[in-house]
Amino acid sequence: MKIFTAKNIRAADKFTIANEPVSSVSLMERAAESCANWLSVNCKNHRKFIIFCGSGNNGGDGFAIARMLYQKGLDVDVLIDSSNDKFSDDAEINYKRLREFSGISIYDFNDLDSIHFDQETVIIDALFGTGLSRKLDGICAELIDKLNKLNQVKISIDVPSGLFSDDISEENQTIFKADYTLSFQFWKRSFLHPETGKFAGKVIILDIDLSKEFIDETTTQYFVIDDEMIKGIFKPRNEFSHKGTYGKAIIVGGSYGKIGAAVLATKSALKTGAGLTFTIAPNCGYEILQINCPEAMFISGGEKYIEEIEIQKDSVYGIGPGLGTESQTKEALMKFLEQPENPLLLDADALNNIAENQNNLNLIPKNSVITPHPKEFERLFGRTEDSFQRLELAIKKAKELQIFIVLKDHHTQIINPEGQVFYNITGNSGLSKGGSGDILTGIITSLLAQKYSPQNACILGVWLHGKAADFAAEKCSKEVMLPTDVIDELGNVFIDLNKKVTTQL
């Protein structure tokens, strides 16, 4: 799914109005109807809706939603800034329609303290939409500060008021903190970064039938990984295949006290379908690996630490989990990087070793994959002020080095050498535990071995990792789930995915 800027979204609206054709107020009606239908289905335990409407088109959406909810038999109150009697054209039309319903009470923002809120009340924010480009102040800022202190369910229409769609918000900026955001047609970039996404809550994308022609023909460098993209990437297994069909994955990792990281990466590589899986690890991990991963073959890389990385042709290497930063290991890694013939994956201590000298970055083979978390990224490329700046730097470095960067975060970003960005929306905070990144290393390495392109291996791998974590959280809870629980759920993800992409009787 493409991510469009606020400017492009306005252009999509205009194109749809001109070419469907449909009037702008009818398009607003379509958007409001999608919200009202979602609210009536998902808020069955709430009978009262209090809708805060601004003077622009977001407020017009709110007026239309209020009318539709009332027609569905729900109790609705609307609050506006009565000192501002100038609405946008479409908002004015919907405000006049709303006034025809005597059962809907309309109050001023200053009447907030006299409004009764109980646990069956839903607060709906329709104050400001995607066109906002300034920091909120005055009566609207005061109103939002008060609403944020209330414990009722809060839902924003399109974007939380005060939040910019495409950019980082200013420090201490007043922003409505929603539990849910009902957004039209597209994800907004601000929903996908930690500093700003926390205001959006759970994001629901509502299809309002904007022009498919416009969407297809308009370019963007930003995408959300959705089910359609995954179905286009995933390759079901050929029944007339053998272990050689699915490649050779070699996990390089482990050191004294950190063999568990190599076990997790090896297990996830096996579970993701590599034809042959090897583990290069120190001898101190031999028994642990052979007992926990009997399907994988062991190659000695040293005694307590890896001192040598054996080079095998026609293999894909995933290097880093539990590797350590001993001098012998660093030397072995740099020597290995001078010789590989294929792209590889570098993670964890492999990246930390590389980061000690900026010249080492040039040793990373083109089209390789690196999977840093924010601190590892900082060690490699330098400090940034926020996740938006970090992503811009990642785009620059992916182009310079001609590599793929999997920038791990709540919504992990995959950056390709052309500067395109793919945001992942599977996964949850249960992955915020040591070992989760080791699993991702094994998954992507396995997919690379199966001859997925580096880009598709990254996209599918990150999606699989997050989806398995979502399945694990449903069974175990985010608090209790372990990385091994995530590995155990990979099979269920593949079962579900195969059903979606293969013909079923």
Foldseek 3Di string as FASTA:
>chain_A
DDADAPVLVVVLLVCCCVPVPDPSLVLLLLLLVLVLVVCVVPLVLAQEEEEEAAQESLNLSRLSNQVVNVVVVGQYEYEYAVVDPHHDPSSVVSVVVSVVDPRYHYYYLVCVVVDDDDQSYEYEYSHDAQPDDDFDDDPVLVSLVVVQPDDYAYEYEQFWPRAHQADAHDPPGRTRQHLAYEHEDHHGVLCQFPRRVRRHRHYHYGYSCRPPVSVVPDDDLEAADDLVNLLVQDDDDDPPDALVLQFEEEEEAAFAVQVVLQLLLQLLLVLLPHSAYEYEFAPVCVVVNCVSPVRHHYDHQHHRAGQADDDDPRYEYQYARHRDQDPSSLVRLLVVLQDDPDAYEYEHVSLVSCLVDLVSLLSHDAAHEYEYEPVSLCSRQHDDDGVVVSLVSVLVVCLVNNYWYFYDDCFTWIAGNVGRIYTYNAADLLCVDPSLVSSLSNQLSSNVRSVRRSVSSNSNSVNLSRNLRVVLCVVQNSVGDDSVSSSVSSVVVVVVSCVVNDDDD
